[in-house]
Amino acid sequence: MDRSDLEEAWRVERNQKVRERILIVMKLMEGLSSCEIAKQHNCGTSKVFYWRNRFQEGGLAGLQDRPKPGRPPKVPRVEMKRIRKEVEAKEYTTATEVLNIIRERTGVRYSLMHATRILHSWGFSKKKPRKKHIKAASERQVRRFKKS
């Protein structure tokens, strides 16, 4: 693989980490030392050697992220998307309610802490809506007051 192929791959690549790895390899091809490259990219020389070796072994595919190990989720992504849409449709919800929805739809039992993590990953916060005062103005009254 020559430099023009690497430049084209760098232009096309969307993943920033992979783009940096391609740059490291291109600089090595130019003849820069691993110490210079490490200083330019603010990393250790071992990282430069690592990506050089990965490129030599696998080419451009060697610079891509490898699959991360880990336990697969108990609930399929499609089902979680449905549950998320249901939760988003509500005005507010609690982690306990999400636990119950997941248990009803899938039969999977999660802990309360995990339900909180799920809500957080969906962009929800722990805040609860305040109770409105008995004598508080309605939304219509507030809008009319603001206009005048």
N, C-alpha and C. Protein backbone atom coordinates (compact mmCIF):
# COMPACT_ATOMS: atom_id res chain seq x y z
N MET A 1 0.85 -1.18 0.00
CA MET A 1 0.00 0.00 0.00
C MET A 1 0.89 1.24 0.00
N ASP A 2 0.59 2.19 -0.87
CA ASP A 2 1.42 3.39 -0.95
C ASP A 2 0.72 4.58 -0.29
N ARG A 3 1.41 5.70 -0.29
CA ARG A 3 0.95 6.90 0.42
C ARG A 3 -0.38 7.43 -0.14
N SER A 4 -0.55 7.39 -1.46
CA SER A 4 -1.79 7.93 -2.05
C SER A 4 -3.01 7.13 -1.58
N ASP A 5 -2.85 5.82 -1.43
CA ASP A 5 -3.96 5.00 -0.91
C ASP A 5 -4.29 5.39 0.53
N LEU A 6 -3.25 5.63 1.31
CA LEU A 6 -3.47 6.05 2.71
C LEU A 6 -4.13 7.42 2.78
N GLU A 7 -3.71 8.34 1.92
CA GLU A 7 -4.33 9.69 1.91
C GLU A 7 -5.80 9.60 1.55
N GLU A 8 -6.12 8.76 0.58
CA GLU A 8 -7.52 8.58 0.19
C GLU A 8 -8.32 7.97 1.34
N ALA A 9 -7.75 6.98 2.00
CA ALA A 9 -8.42 6.35 3.15
C ALA A 9 -8.61 7.37 4.27
N TRP A 10 -7.64 8.25 4.47
CA TRP A 10 -7.74 9.27 5.51
C TRP A 10 -8.87 10.25 5.20
N ARG A 11 -9.01 10.62 3.91
CA ARG A 11 -10.08 11.55 3.52
C ARG A 11 -11.46 10.93 3.70
N VAL A 12 -11.59 9.66 3.41
CA VAL A 12 -12.88 8.99 3.45
C VAL A 12 -13.29 8.60 4.87
N GLU A 13 -12.33 8.30 5.71
CA GLU A 13 -12.60 7.78 7.05
C GLU A 13 -13.34 8.80 7.91
N ARG A 14 -14.36 8.34 8.64
CA ARG A 14 -15.16 9.20 9.52
C ARG A 14 -14.73 9.09 10.98
N ASN A 15 -14.18 7.96 11.36
CA ASN A 15 -13.77 7.73 12.74
C ASN A 15 -12.47 8.48 13.03
N GLN A 16 -12.50 9.40 13.99
CA GLN A 16 -11.32 10.22 14.30
C GLN A 16 -10.14 9.40 14.77
N LYS A 17 -10.40 8.37 15.54
CA LYS A 17 -9.30 7.54 16.04
C LYS A 17 -8.58 6.85 14.90
N VAL A 18 -9.34 6.32 13.96
CA VAL A 18 -8.74 5.64 12.81
C VAL A 18 -7.98 6.63 11.94
N ARG A 19 -8.52 7.84 11.79
CA ARG A 19 -7.82 8.88 11.02
C ARG A 19 -6.46 9.19 11.64
N GLU A 20 -6.41 9.27 12.97
CA GLU A 20 -5.13 9.53 13.64
C GLU A 20 -4.15 8.38 13.40
N ARG A 21 -4.65 7.17 13.43
CA ARG A 21 -3.79 6.01 13.19
C ARG A 21 -3.23 6.03 11.76
N ILE A 22 -4.07 6.41 10.80
CA ILE A 22 -3.59 6.51 9.41
C ILE A 22 -2.51 7.58 9.30
N LEU A 23 -2.70 8.70 9.99
CA LEU A 23 -1.68 9.77 9.99
C LEU A 23 -0.36 9.27 10.56
N ILE A 24 -0.43 8.51 11.62
CA ILE A 24 0.78 7.96 12.24
C ILE A 24 1.53 7.09 11.23
N VAL A 25 0.80 6.24 10.53
CA VAL A 25 1.43 5.36 9.54
C VAL A 25 2.01 6.17 8.39
N MET A 26 1.29 7.20 7.94
CA MET A 26 1.79 8.04 6.85
C MET A 26 3.09 8.74 7.26
N LYS A 27 3.14 9.22 8.48
CA LYS A 27 4.36 9.89 8.96
C LYS A 27 5.52 8.91 9.08
N LEU A 28 5.22 7.68 9.45
CA LEU A 28 6.28 6.66 9.49
C LEU A 28 6.81 6.39 8.08
N MET A 29 5.91 6.39 7.09
CA MET A 29 6.33 6.18 5.70
C MET A 29 7.20 7.34 5.19
N GLU A 30 6.94 8.56 5.72
CA GLU A 30 7.74 9.72 5.33
C GLU A 30 9.15 9.64 5.90
N GLY A 31 9.35 8.82 6.91
CA GLY A 31 10.66 8.67 7.50
C GLY A 31 10.84 9.36 8.84
N LEU A 32 9.78 9.91 9.38
CA LEU A 32 9.88 10.53 10.70
C LEU A 32 10.12 9.45 11.76
N SER A 33 10.82 9.82 12.81
CA SER A 33 11.09 8.85 13.87
C SER A 33 9.85 8.68 14.74
N SER A 34 9.79 7.56 15.42
CA SER A 34 8.63 7.29 16.27
C SER A 34 8.55 8.28 17.43
N CYS A 35 9.70 8.77 17.89
CA CYS A 35 9.71 9.77 18.97
C CYS A 35 9.08 11.08 18.50
N GLU A 36 9.43 11.51 17.29
CA GLU A 36 8.85 12.75 16.74
C GLU A 36 7.34 12.62 16.57
N ILE A 37 6.93 11.48 16.03
CA ILE A 37 5.50 11.25 15.81
C ILE A 37 4.76 11.22 17.14
N ALA A 38 5.35 10.58 18.13
CA ALA A 38 4.73 10.50 19.46
C ALA A 38 4.55 11.90 20.05
N LYS A 39 5.55 12.77 19.86
CA LYS A 39 5.43 14.15 20.37
C LYS A 39 4.34 14.90 19.63
N GLN A 40 4.27 14.73 18.31
CA GLN A 40 3.26 15.43 17.51
C GLN A 40 1.83 15.01 17.89
N HIS A 41 1.67 13.74 18.21
CA HIS A 41 0.33 13.23 18.53
C HIS A 41 0.08 13.15 20.03
N ASN A 42 1.04 13.64 20.80
CA ASN A 42 0.90 13.70 22.25
C ASN A 42 0.58 12.31 22.83
N CYS A 43 1.42 11.33 22.45
CA CYS A 43 1.23 9.97 22.93
C CYS A 43 2.61 9.34 23.15
N GLY A 44 2.62 8.11 23.58
CA GLY A 44 3.87 7.40 23.81
C GLY A 44 4.38 6.73 22.54
N THR A 45 5.68 6.45 22.53
CA THR A 45 6.25 5.78 21.36
C THR A 45 5.70 4.36 21.22
N SER A 46 5.29 3.76 22.32
CA SER A 46 4.74 2.40 22.25
C SER A 46 3.46 2.39 21.41
N LYS A 47 2.68 3.47 21.49
CA LYS A 47 1.47 3.57 20.69
C LYS A 47 1.82 3.62 19.20
N VAL A 48 2.85 4.37 18.86
CA VAL A 48 3.29 4.46 17.46
C VAL A 48 3.72 3.09 16.97
N PHE A 49 4.53 2.36 17.77
CA PHE A 49 4.98 1.02 17.39
C PHE A 49 3.79 0.06 17.25
N TYR A 50 2.84 0.20 18.18
CA TYR A 50 1.67 -0.68 18.17
C TYR A 50 0.91 -0.54 16.86
N TRP A 51 0.63 0.72 16.46
CA TRP A 51 -0.14 0.93 15.23
C TRP A 51 0.67 0.61 13.99
N ARG A 52 1.97 0.77 14.04
CA ARG A 52 2.81 0.37 12.92
C ARG A 52 2.71 -1.14 12.72
N ASN A 53 2.82 -1.89 13.81
CA ASN A 53 2.74 -3.35 13.73
C ASN A 53 1.36 -3.82 13.28
N ARG A 54 0.32 -3.18 13.79
CA ARG A 54 -1.04 -3.55 13.37
C ARG A 54 -1.23 -3.29 11.88
N PHE A 55 -0.66 -2.18 11.36
CA PHE A 55 -0.77 -1.87 9.94
C PHE A 55 0.01 -2.88 9.11
N GLN A 56 1.19 -3.26 9.57
CA GLN A 56 2.00 -4.23 8.83
C GLN A 56 1.32 -5.59 8.78
N GLU A 57 0.62 -5.96 9.84
CA GLU A 57 -0.05 -7.26 9.89
C GLU A 57 -1.35 -7.28 9.09
N GLY A 58 -2.14 -6.19 9.19
CA GLY A 58 -3.49 -6.23 8.61
C GLY A 58 -3.81 -5.14 7.62
N GLY A 59 -2.86 -4.29 7.29
CA GLY A 59 -3.17 -3.19 6.36
C GLY A 59 -4.12 -2.20 7.00
N LEU A 60 -4.96 -1.59 6.15
CA LEU A 60 -5.92 -0.61 6.66
C LEU A 60 -6.91 -1.24 7.63
N ALA A 61 -7.28 -2.48 7.39
CA ALA A 61 -8.21 -3.16 8.30
C ALA A 61 -7.61 -3.31 9.69
N GLY A 62 -6.29 -3.38 9.78
CA GLY A 62 -5.63 -3.50 11.08
C GLY A 62 -5.71 -2.24 11.90
N LEU A 63 -6.00 -1.10 11.26
CA LEU A 63 -6.11 0.17 11.98
C LEU A 63 -7.51 0.41 12.53
N GLN A 64 -8.47 -0.42 12.12
CA GLN A 64 -9.84 -0.28 12.61
C GLN A 64 -9.94 -0.81 14.04
N ASP A 65 -10.96 -0.35 14.75
CA ASP A 65 -11.22 -0.84 16.10
C ASP A 65 -11.63 -2.30 16.04
N ARG A 66 -11.13 -3.08 16.97
CA ARG A 66 -11.54 -4.47 17.07
C ARG A 66 -12.80 -4.53 17.91
N PRO A 67 -13.59 -5.59 17.72
CA PRO A 67 -14.80 -5.72 18.55
C PRO A 67 -14.45 -5.79 20.03
N LYS A 68 -15.23 -5.11 20.83
CA LYS A 68 -14.99 -5.09 22.27
C LYS A 68 -15.65 -6.29 22.92
N PRO A 69 -14.95 -6.95 23.82
CA PRO A 69 -15.58 -8.09 24.49
C PRO A 69 -16.59 -7.60 25.51
N GLY A 70 -17.51 -8.44 25.82
CA GLY A 70 -18.50 -8.08 26.83
C GLY A 70 -19.74 -8.92 26.69
N ARG A 71 -20.52 -8.91 27.73
CA ARG A 71 -21.74 -9.70 27.74
C ARG A 71 -22.77 -9.06 26.82
N PRO A 72 -23.44 -9.84 25.99
CA PRO A 72 -24.49 -9.26 25.15
C PRO A 72 -25.68 -8.85 26.02
N PRO A 73 -26.43 -7.84 25.61
CA PRO A 73 -27.56 -7.40 26.43
C PRO A 73 -28.64 -8.47 26.52
N LYS A 74 -29.33 -8.50 27.65
CA LYS A 74 -30.39 -9.48 27.86
C LYS A 74 -31.62 -9.15 27.01
N VAL A 75 -31.86 -7.85 26.82
CA VAL A 75 -33.01 -7.40 26.05
C VAL A 75 -32.52 -6.95 24.67
N PRO A 76 -33.13 -7.47 23.60
CA PRO A 76 -32.70 -7.06 22.26
C PRO A 76 -32.86 -5.56 22.04
N ARG A 77 -32.01 -5.00 21.19
CA ARG A 77 -32.02 -3.55 20.93
C ARG A 77 -33.37 -3.07 20.39
N VAL A 78 -33.99 -3.87 19.55
CA VAL A 78 -35.28 -3.48 18.96
C VAL A 78 -36.31 -3.30 20.07
N GLU A 79 -36.33 -4.23 21.01
CA GLU A 79 -37.29 -4.15 22.11
C GLU A 79 -36.99 -2.95 23.00
N MET A 80 -35.71 -2.68 23.24
CA MET A 80 -35.34 -1.52 24.07
C MET A 80 -35.74 -0.21 23.38
N LYS A 81 -35.66 -0.17 22.05
CA LYS A 81 -36.10 1.03 21.32
C LYS A 81 -37.59 1.26 21.51
N ARG A 82 -38.37 0.17 21.47
CA ARG A 82 -39.82 0.30 21.69
C ARG A 82 -40.11 0.81 23.10
N ILE A 83 -39.40 0.27 24.06
CA ILE A 83 -39.60 0.69 25.45
C ILE A 83 -39.20 2.14 25.62
N ARG A 84 -38.11 2.53 24.98
CA ARG A 84 -37.66 3.93 25.07
C ARG A 84 -38.71 4.87 24.51
N LYS A 85 -39.29 4.53 23.36
CA LYS A 85 -40.33 5.39 22.77
C LYS A 85 -41.53 5.51 23.71
N GLU A 86 -41.87 4.42 24.35
CA GLU A 86 -42.99 4.43 25.29
C GLU A 86 -42.67 5.34 26.48
N VAL A 87 -41.45 5.25 26.98
CA VAL A 87 -41.05 6.08 28.13
C VAL A 87 -40.99 7.55 27.73
N GLU A 88 -40.48 7.84 26.53
CA GLU A 88 -40.38 9.23 26.07
C GLU A 88 -41.75 9.86 25.86
N ALA A 89 -42.75 9.04 25.54
CA ALA A 89 -44.10 9.56 25.31
C ALA A 89 -44.75 10.05 26.61
N LYS A 90 -44.30 9.53 27.74
CA LYS A 90 -44.86 9.95 29.02
C LYS A 90 -44.32 11.31 29.41
N GLU A 91 -45.09 12.01 30.24
CA GLU A 91 -44.65 13.33 30.71
C GLU A 91 -43.42 13.20 31.61
N TYR A 92 -43.46 12.25 32.51
CA TYR A 92 -42.29 11.94 33.34
C TYR A 92 -42.40 10.48 33.77
N THR A 93 -41.29 9.92 34.15
CA THR A 93 -41.28 8.52 34.57
C THR A 93 -40.20 8.31 35.63
N THR A 94 -40.30 7.23 36.34
CA THR A 94 -39.30 6.89 37.35
C THR A 94 -38.58 5.62 36.93
N ALA A 95 -37.47 5.36 37.58
CA ALA A 95 -36.70 4.16 37.28
C ALA A 95 -37.51 2.91 37.62
N THR A 96 -38.31 2.99 38.66
CA THR A 96 -39.15 1.85 39.05
C THR A 96 -40.17 1.54 37.96
N GLU A 97 -40.75 2.58 37.38
CA GLU A 97 -41.71 2.37 36.29
C GLU A 97 -41.03 1.73 35.08
N VAL A 98 -39.81 2.16 34.79
CA VAL A 98 -39.06 1.57 33.67
C VAL A 98 -38.77 0.11 33.96
N LEU A 99 -38.40 -0.21 35.20
CA LEU A 99 -38.18 -1.61 35.59
C LEU A 99 -39.42 -2.45 35.32
N ASN A 100 -40.57 -1.93 35.72
CA ASN A 100 -41.82 -2.66 35.53
C ASN A 100 -42.16 -2.84 34.05
N ILE A 101 -41.93 -1.81 33.26
CA ILE A 101 -42.19 -1.90 31.82
C ILE A 101 -41.30 -2.96 31.19
N ILE A 102 -40.01 -2.95 31.53
CA ILE A 102 -39.08 -3.94 30.97
C ILE A 102 -39.49 -5.35 31.39
N ARG A 103 -39.86 -5.50 32.65
CA ARG A 103 -40.26 -6.82 33.16
C ARG A 103 -41.53 -7.31 32.46
N GLU A 104 -42.50 -6.40 32.24
CA GLU A 104 -43.75 -6.79 31.59
C GLU A 104 -43.53 -7.18 30.13
N ARG A 105 -42.73 -6.39 29.42
CA ARG A 105 -42.54 -6.62 27.98
C ARG A 105 -41.62 -7.80 27.67
N THR A 106 -40.58 -7.97 28.48
CA THR A 106 -39.54 -8.95 28.13
C THR A 106 -39.37 -10.08 29.13
N GLY A 107 -39.82 -9.88 30.36
CA GLY A 107 -39.62 -10.89 31.39
C GLY A 107 -38.25 -10.82 32.04
N VAL A 108 -37.45 -9.82 31.65
CA VAL A 108 -36.09 -9.67 32.20
C VAL A 108 -36.17 -8.81 33.45
N ARG A 109 -35.47 -9.22 34.49
CA ARG A 109 -35.44 -8.46 35.74
C ARG A 109 -34.09 -7.74 35.86
N TYR A 110 -34.14 -6.42 35.92
CA TYR A 110 -32.95 -5.61 36.14
C TYR A 110 -33.02 -5.01 37.53
N SER A 111 -31.88 -4.57 38.02
CA SER A 111 -31.86 -3.87 39.31
C SER A 111 -32.30 -2.43 39.10
N LEU A 112 -32.64 -1.78 40.19
CA LEU A 112 -33.05 -0.38 40.12
C LEU A 112 -31.89 0.49 39.61
N MET A 113 -30.68 0.17 40.04
CA MET A 113 -29.51 0.93 39.59
C MET A 113 -29.31 0.79 38.08
N HIS A 114 -29.53 -0.41 37.55
CA HIS A 114 -29.36 -0.60 36.11
C HIS A 114 -30.43 0.16 35.33
N ALA A 115 -31.64 0.21 35.86
CA ALA A 115 -32.70 0.99 35.22
C ALA A 115 -32.32 2.46 35.20
N THR A 116 -31.70 2.93 36.27
CA THR A 116 -31.23 4.31 36.32
C THR A 116 -30.16 4.55 35.26
N ARG A 117 -29.25 3.59 35.09
CA ARG A 117 -28.21 3.71 34.05
C ARG A 117 -28.83 3.74 32.66
N ILE A 118 -29.85 2.93 32.44
CA ILE A 118 -30.53 2.91 31.14
C ILE A 118 -31.16 4.27 30.87
N LEU A 119 -31.86 4.80 31.86
CA LEU A 119 -32.49 6.13 31.70
C LEU A 119 -31.44 7.20 31.42
N HIS A 120 -30.31 7.12 32.11
CA HIS A 120 -29.24 8.09 31.90
C HIS A 120 -28.68 7.98 30.49
N SER A 121 -28.50 6.75 30.00
CA SER A 121 -27.97 6.56 28.64
C SER A 121 -28.95 7.08 27.59
N TRP A 122 -30.24 7.14 27.92
CA TRP A 122 -31.25 7.68 27.02
C TRP A 122 -31.35 9.19 27.11
N GLY A 123 -30.62 9.79 28.03
CA GLY A 123 -30.63 11.25 28.16
C GLY A 123 -31.57 11.77 29.21
N PHE A 124 -32.14 10.91 30.02
CA PHE A 124 -33.01 11.34 31.10
C PHE A 124 -32.18 11.71 32.31
N SER A 125 -32.74 12.56 33.18
CA SER A 125 -32.04 12.93 34.40
C SER A 125 -32.84 12.43 35.60
N LYS A 126 -32.25 12.55 36.78
CA LYS A 126 -32.91 12.09 38.00
C LYS A 126 -33.90 13.10 38.55
N LYS A 127 -34.00 14.25 37.93
CA LYS A 127 -34.87 15.29 38.45
C LYS A 127 -36.33 14.87 38.37
N LYS A 128 -37.07 15.25 39.39
CA LYS A 128 -38.50 15.00 39.42
C LYS A 128 -39.21 16.34 39.23
N PRO A 129 -40.35 16.33 38.55
CA PRO A 129 -41.07 17.59 38.38
C PRO A 129 -41.62 18.07 39.73
N ARG A 130 -41.57 19.39 39.92
CA ARG A 130 -42.10 19.95 41.16
C ARG A 130 -43.62 19.91 41.13
N LYS A 131 -44.19 19.80 42.31
CA LYS A 131 -45.63 19.89 42.41
C LYS A 131 -46.03 21.33 42.19
N LYS A 132 -47.15 21.54 41.51
CA LYS A 132 -47.63 22.90 41.27
C LYS A 132 -48.45 23.35 42.48
N HIS A 133 -48.30 24.60 42.78
CA HIS A 133 -49.05 25.19 43.89
C HIS A 133 -50.53 25.20 43.53
N ILE A 134 -51.35 25.07 44.53
CA ILE A 134 -52.81 25.01 44.32
C ILE A 134 -53.30 26.26 43.61
N LYS A 135 -52.75 27.43 43.99
CA LYS A 135 -53.22 28.69 43.43
C LYS A 135 -52.37 29.16 42.24
N ALA A 136 -51.56 28.27 41.66
CA ALA A 136 -50.70 28.65 40.54
C ALA A 136 -51.56 28.95 39.31
N ALA A 137 -51.08 29.89 38.50
CA ALA A 137 -51.79 30.27 37.29
C ALA A 137 -51.69 29.15 36.26
N SER A 138 -52.70 29.04 35.43
CA SER A 138 -52.68 28.02 34.38
C SER A 138 -51.73 28.47 33.27
N GLU A 139 -51.40 27.55 32.38
CA GLU A 139 -50.50 27.88 31.26
C GLU A 139 -51.11 28.97 30.39
N ARG A 140 -52.40 28.91 30.19
CA ARG A 140 -53.09 29.91 29.37
C ARG A 140 -53.00 31.29 30.02
N GLN A 141 -53.18 31.36 31.31
CA GLN A 141 -53.10 32.64 32.03
C GLN A 141 -51.67 33.20 31.96
N VAL A 142 -50.70 32.33 32.07
CA VAL A 142 -49.29 32.76 32.02
C VAL A 142 -48.98 33.33 30.64
N ARG A 143 -49.41 32.66 29.57
CA ARG A 143 -49.16 33.15 28.20
C ARG A 143 -49.84 34.49 27.97
N ARG A 144 -51.10 34.64 28.46
CA ARG A 144 -51.82 35.89 28.28
C ARG A 144 -51.12 37.02 29.04
N PHE A 145 -50.62 36.73 30.24
CA PHE A 145 -49.93 37.73 31.03
C PHE A 145 -48.63 38.18 30.35
N LYS A 146 -47.89 37.23 29.77
CA LYS A 146 -46.63 37.55 29.12
C LYS A 146 -46.83 38.40 27.87
N LYS A 147 -47.95 38.21 27.17
CA LYS A 147 -48.19 38.98 25.94
C LYS A 147 -48.49 40.44 26.25
N SER A 148 -49.14 40.71 27.37
CA SER A 148 -49.53 42.09 27.65
C SER A 148 -48.47 42.87 28.39
